């Protein structure tokens, strides 16, 4: 059920991927064609299949294939979070993280930008939701390592950005704060929080390095590519595997 919810969230997020980088006002339905403004078939609300089958009534175009891929990734991430967290308060908080990171990754892949319009609300929402979850689950002591995780991840990437700004954009640095916040919350002290952050970074950097090698192999030259999706993937993997790593 949570995975299906993730697919529906993916349908809504596909609109954010198109509108947020352009700073367009308001919000349009996934049934509105982004190319001509015409109406798509109601099947367009169906996760994964909707973008592949729902044609526009005006220009007869289907939605971009990446929308179906985003639906599938969002559904998978939601399902994994449901397997990881038992308490509804914790699950709700981490579903917001998954939705934000998948959406931001899709934007970064297309525009090489991580808009503050999503990064900052992710941090604010994480602070509120994790604070509420800590009270409900009687784990208020987890708020300290959460803040330590946010500061550690932000600080490490900030130093990396200062040393080599071409390799680490400031958008990645700002995204590190909410990712560290969520990672640190899973631990009971500051040292363990930093340890889990380092595990997430290691997985993200490893995946990004492999991608960089593949880009060079295909393009025959070094070209810029977004690093945010790999940091996001490392964070989500660390969250899912946090019961068995970093201790």
Protein backbone atom coordinates (compact mmCIF):
# COMPACT_ATOMS: atom_id res chain seq x y z
CA UNK A 1 0.00 0.00 0.00
CA UNK A 2 2.80 2.42 0.84
CA UNK A 3 4.58 1.57 -2.41
CA UNK A 4 1.40 2.35 -4.36
CA UNK A 5 1.18 5.65 -2.49
CA UNK A 6 4.76 6.29 -3.57
CA UNK A 7 3.79 5.79 -7.20
CA UNK A 8 0.99 8.35 -6.86
CA UNK A 9 3.40 10.78 -5.17
CA UNK A 10 5.69 10.20 -8.12
CA UNK A 11 2.92 11.36 -10.45
CA UNK A 12 2.58 14.61 -8.50
CA UNK A 13 6.37 15.00 -8.20
CA UNK A 14 6.72 14.84 -11.99
CA UNK A 15 4.96 18.20 -12.14
CA UNK A 16 7.34 19.65 -9.53
CA UNK A 17 10.31 18.45 -11.57
CA UNK A 18 9.10 20.55 -14.50
CA UNK A 19 7.76 23.59 -12.64
CA UNK A 20 10.15 24.17 -9.71
CA UNK A 21 13.33 24.87 -11.74
CA UNK A 22 11.38 27.37 -13.87
CA UNK A 23 9.88 28.94 -10.73
CA UNK A 24 6.42 28.70 -12.28
CA UNK A 25 3.58 29.89 -10.01
CA UNK A 26 0.78 27.57 -8.98
CA UNK A 27 0.53 23.88 -9.67
CA UNK A 28 -0.83 22.01 -12.66
CA UNK A 29 -2.34 18.55 -12.73
CA UNK A 30 -0.34 15.59 -14.12
CA UNK A 31 -3.23 15.32 -16.60
CA UNK A 32 -2.22 18.63 -18.20
CA UNK A 33 0.27 18.23 -21.05
CA UNK A 34 3.49 20.10 -20.30
CA UNK A 35 4.14 20.64 -24.02
CA UNK A 36 0.88 22.24 -25.22
CA UNK A 37 -1.35 22.58 -22.15
CA UNK A 38 -3.92 20.11 -23.46
CA UNK A 39 -5.59 17.37 -21.44
CA UNK A 40 -4.18 13.90 -21.08
CA UNK A 41 -6.26 10.79 -20.56
CA UNK A 42 -7.31 10.12 -16.93
CA UNK A 43 -5.09 7.05 -17.08
CA UNK A 44 -2.26 9.56 -16.63
CA UNK A 45 -2.80 9.31 -12.87
CA UNK A 46 -1.83 5.61 -12.87
CA UNK A 47 1.76 5.26 -11.60
CA UNK A 48 4.33 4.05 -14.16
CA UNK A 49 1.73 3.09 -16.78
CA UNK A 50 0.10 6.53 -16.89
CA UNK A 51 3.05 8.34 -18.48
CA UNK A 52 3.46 5.52 -21.01
CA UNK A 53 -0.20 5.20 -22.03
CA UNK A 54 -1.86 8.55 -21.33
CA UNK A 55 -1.74 10.64 -24.52
CA UNK A 56 -2.54 14.34 -24.84
CA UNK A 57 -5.90 15.02 -26.50
CA UNK A 58 -4.45 18.00 -28.38
CA UNK A 59 -0.94 17.05 -29.55
CA UNK A 60 -1.25 13.25 -29.06
CA UNK A 61 2.08 13.18 -27.20
CA UNK A 62 2.83 10.83 -24.33
CA UNK A 63 4.53 12.03 -21.16
CA UNK A 64 8.34 11.74 -21.07
CA UNK A 65 9.64 8.26 -20.23
CA UNK A 66 11.54 9.63 -17.22
CA UNK A 67 8.19 10.20 -15.49
CA UNK A 68 7.50 6.45 -15.51
CA UNK A 69 11.00 5.80 -14.18
CA UNK A 70 10.48 8.35 -11.41
CA UNK A 71 7.18 6.72 -10.42
CA UNK A 72 8.91 3.34 -10.15
CA UNK A 73 11.83 4.70 -8.11
CA UNK A 74 9.48 6.62 -5.81
CA UNK A 75 7.32 3.53 -5.27
CA UNK A 76 10.40 1.42 -4.52
CA UNK A 77 11.77 3.93 -2.02
CA UNK A 78 8.40 4.23 -0.26
CA UNK A 79 8.16 0.44 -0.03
CA UNK A 80 11.65 0.17 1.46
CA UNK A 81 10.86 2.85 4.03
CA UNK A 82 7.72 0.96 5.04
CA UNK A 83 9.85 -2.15 5.58
CA UNK A 84 12.40 -0.17 7.61
CA UNK A 85 10.10 1.75 9.98
CA UNK A 86 7.33 0.32 12.14
CA UNK A 87 6.07 3.44 13.89
CA UNK A 88 3.80 5.65 11.73
CA UNK A 89 5.43 8.86 12.98
CA UNK A 90 8.90 7.73 11.91
CA UNK A 91 7.57 6.34 8.64
CA UNK A 92 5.83 9.62 7.76
CA UNK A 93 9.04 11.58 8.36
CA UNK A 94 11.16 9.31 6.18
CA UNK A 95 8.57 9.15 3.41
CA UNK A 96 8.94 12.93 3.13
CA UNK A 97 12.71 12.46 2.87
CA UNK A 98 12.32 9.85 0.14
CA UNK A 99 9.87 11.99 -1.83
CA UNK A 100 12.12 15.04 -1.60
CA UNK A 101 15.33 13.23 -2.54
CA UNK A 102 13.81 11.44 -5.53
CA UNK A 103 12.27 14.68 -6.80
CA UNK A 104 15.46 16.66 -6.29
CA UNK A 105 17.48 13.93 -7.99
CA UNK A 106 15.23 14.07 -11.05
CA UNK A 107 15.62 17.85 -11.20
CA UNK A 108 19.40 17.62 -10.80
CA UNK A 109 19.68 15.03 -13.56
CA UNK A 110 17.83 17.31 -15.97
CA UNK A 111 19.07 20.75 -14.98
CA UNK A 112 22.18 20.17 -12.79
CA UNK A 113 20.48 22.27 -10.13
CA UNK A 114 19.15 21.56 -6.63
CA UNK A 115 16.60 24.37 -6.08
CA UNK A 116 16.35 25.98 -2.66
CA UNK A 117 12.57 25.89 -3.14
CA UNK A 118 12.75 22.16 -2.32
CA UNK A 119 15.98 21.82 -0.35
CA UNK A 120 15.07 24.33 2.36
CA UNK A 121 11.50 23.01 2.91
CA UNK A 122 12.97 19.49 3.16
CA UNK A 123 15.14 20.61 6.07
CA UNK A 124 12.29 22.51 7.75
CA UNK A 125 9.85 19.62 7.31
CA UNK A 126 12.45 17.17 8.58
CA UNK A 127 13.04 19.24 11.70
CA UNK A 128 9.31 19.41 12.44
CA UNK A 129 8.48 15.79 11.59
CA UNK A 130 11.48 14.28 13.36
CA UNK A 131 10.84 16.50 16.37
CA UNK A 132 7.25 15.28 16.50
CA UNK A 133 8.31 11.66 15.99
CA UNK A 134 10.87 11.98 18.79
CA UNK A 135 8.16 13.15 21.20
CA UNK A 136 5.63 10.51 20.11
CA UNK A 137 8.14 7.65 20.28
CA UNK A 138 9.80 9.02 23.43
CA UNK A 139 13.18 9.35 21.70
CA UNK A 140 13.88 13.02 22.30
CA UNK A 141 17.52 12.14 22.94
CA UNK A 142 17.81 11.38 19.21
CA UNK A 143 17.42 15.08 18.35
CA UNK A 144 20.99 15.88 19.41
CA UNK A 145 22.64 13.34 17.07
CA UNK A 146 20.22 14.50 14.36
CA UNK A 147 21.57 18.04 14.60
CA UNK A 148 25.13 16.72 14.80
CA UNK A 149 24.52 14.67 11.65
CA UNK A 150 23.19 17.74 9.83
CA UNK A 151 26.17 19.85 10.88
CA UNK A 152 28.69 17.10 10.06
CA UNK A 153 27.37 16.36 6.57
CA UNK A 154 26.99 20.07 5.75
CA UNK A 155 30.46 20.87 7.10
CA UNK A 156 32.25 18.09 5.25
CA UNK A 157 30.69 18.96 1.90
CA UNK A 158 31.26 22.68 2.52
CA UNK A 159 34.99 22.04 2.94
CA UNK A 160 34.93 19.92 -0.21
CA UNK A 161 33.15 22.71 -2.08
CA UNK A 162 35.68 25.31 -0.94
CA UNK A 163 38.62 23.12 -1.97
CA UNK A 164 37.16 22.01 -5.32
CA UNK A 165 34.03 24.00 -6.25
CA UNK A 166 33.86 22.50 -9.74
CA UNK A 167 33.50 19.03 -8.30
CA UNK A 168 30.99 19.83 -5.54
CA UNK A 169 28.30 22.44 -6.13
CA UNK A 170 26.86 24.51 -3.30
CA UNK A 171 23.45 22.98 -3.98
CA UNK A 172 24.91 19.63 -2.89
CA UNK A 173 26.27 21.30 0.24
CA UNK A 174 22.84 22.67 1.18
CA UNK A 175 21.18 19.31 0.50
CA UNK A 176 23.64 17.69 2.92
CA UNK A 177 21.98 19.41 5.91
CA UNK A 178 18.57 17.63 5.67
CA UNK A 179 20.23 14.35 4.68
CA UNK A 180 22.52 14.52 7.74
CA UNK A 181 19.57 15.44 9.93
CA UNK A 182 17.64 12.32 8.96
CA UNK A 183 20.73 10.11 9.22
CA UNK A 184 21.71 11.40 12.65
CA UNK A 185 18.21 10.84 14.03
CA UNK A 186 18.71 7.09 13.60
CA UNK A 187 21.51 7.08 16.16
CA UNK A 188 21.69 7.60 19.92
CA UNK A 189 24.88 9.67 20.20
CA UNK A 190 26.92 12.13 18.20
CA UNK A 191 29.75 9.76 17.30
CA UNK A 192 27.39 7.17 15.84
CA UNK A 193 25.60 9.92 13.92
CA UNK A 194 28.83 11.03 12.26
CA UNK A 195 29.67 7.40 11.54
CA UNK A 196 26.40 6.83 9.68
CA UNK A 197 26.87 10.09 7.75
CA UNK A 198 30.30 8.86 6.63
CA UNK A 199 28.81 5.55 5.50
CA UNK A 200 26.20 7.40 3.45
CA UNK A 201 28.88 9.64 1.95
CA UNK A 202 31.06 6.65 1.11
CA UNK A 203 28.24 4.93 -0.76
CA UNK A 204 27.28 8.15 -2.54
CA UNK A 205 30.82 9.02 -3.57
CA UNK A 206 31.49 5.44 -4.70
CA UNK A 207 28.40 5.41 -6.91
CA UNK A 208 29.21 8.87 -8.26
CA UNK A 209 32.78 7.88 -9.06
CA UNK A 210 31.63 4.84 -11.01
CA UNK A 211 29.20 7.04 -12.92
CA UNK A 212 32.00 9.50 -13.66
CA UNK A 213 34.16 6.75 -15.13
CA UNK A 214 31.27 5.59 -17.30
CA UNK A 215 30.63 9.15 -18.51
CA UNK A 216 34.28 9.52 -19.53
CA UNK A 217 34.22 6.13 -21.23
CA UNK A 218 31.10 7.00 -23.25
CA UNK A 219 31.89 10.65 -24.04
CA UNK A 220 35.64 10.10 -24.46
CA UNK A 221 36.24 13.19 -22.36
CA UNK A 222 35.49 14.57 -18.93
CA UNK A 223 32.15 16.40 -18.78
CA UNK A 224 30.20 17.82 -15.83
CA UNK A 225 27.49 15.58 -14.38
CA UNK A 226 25.17 15.97 -11.38
CA UNK A 227 26.39 14.51 -8.11
CA UNK A 228 23.27 15.13 -6.02
CA UNK A 229 21.45 11.94 -7.11
CA UNK A 230 24.36 9.80 -5.92
CA UNK A 231 24.52 11.52 -2.54
CA UNK A 232 20.74 11.04 -2.26
CA UNK A 233 21.05 7.36 -3.17
CA UNK A 234 23.77 6.90 -0.57
CA UNK A 235 21.61 8.53 2.08
CA UNK A 236 18.53 6.43 1.27
CA UNK A 237 20.65 3.27 1.25
CA UNK A 238 22.17 4.18 4.62
CA UNK A 239 18.71 4.80 6.08
CA UNK A 240 17.40 1.45 4.86
CA UNK A 241 20.52 -0.43 6.04
CA UNK A 242 21.04 1.60 9.22
CA UNK A 243 20.17 -1.28 11.53
CA UNK A 244 23.25 -3.18 10.38
CA UNK A 245 25.87 -0.52 9.52
CA UNK A 246 27.68 2.31 11.19
CA UNK A 247 27.76 0.96 14.74
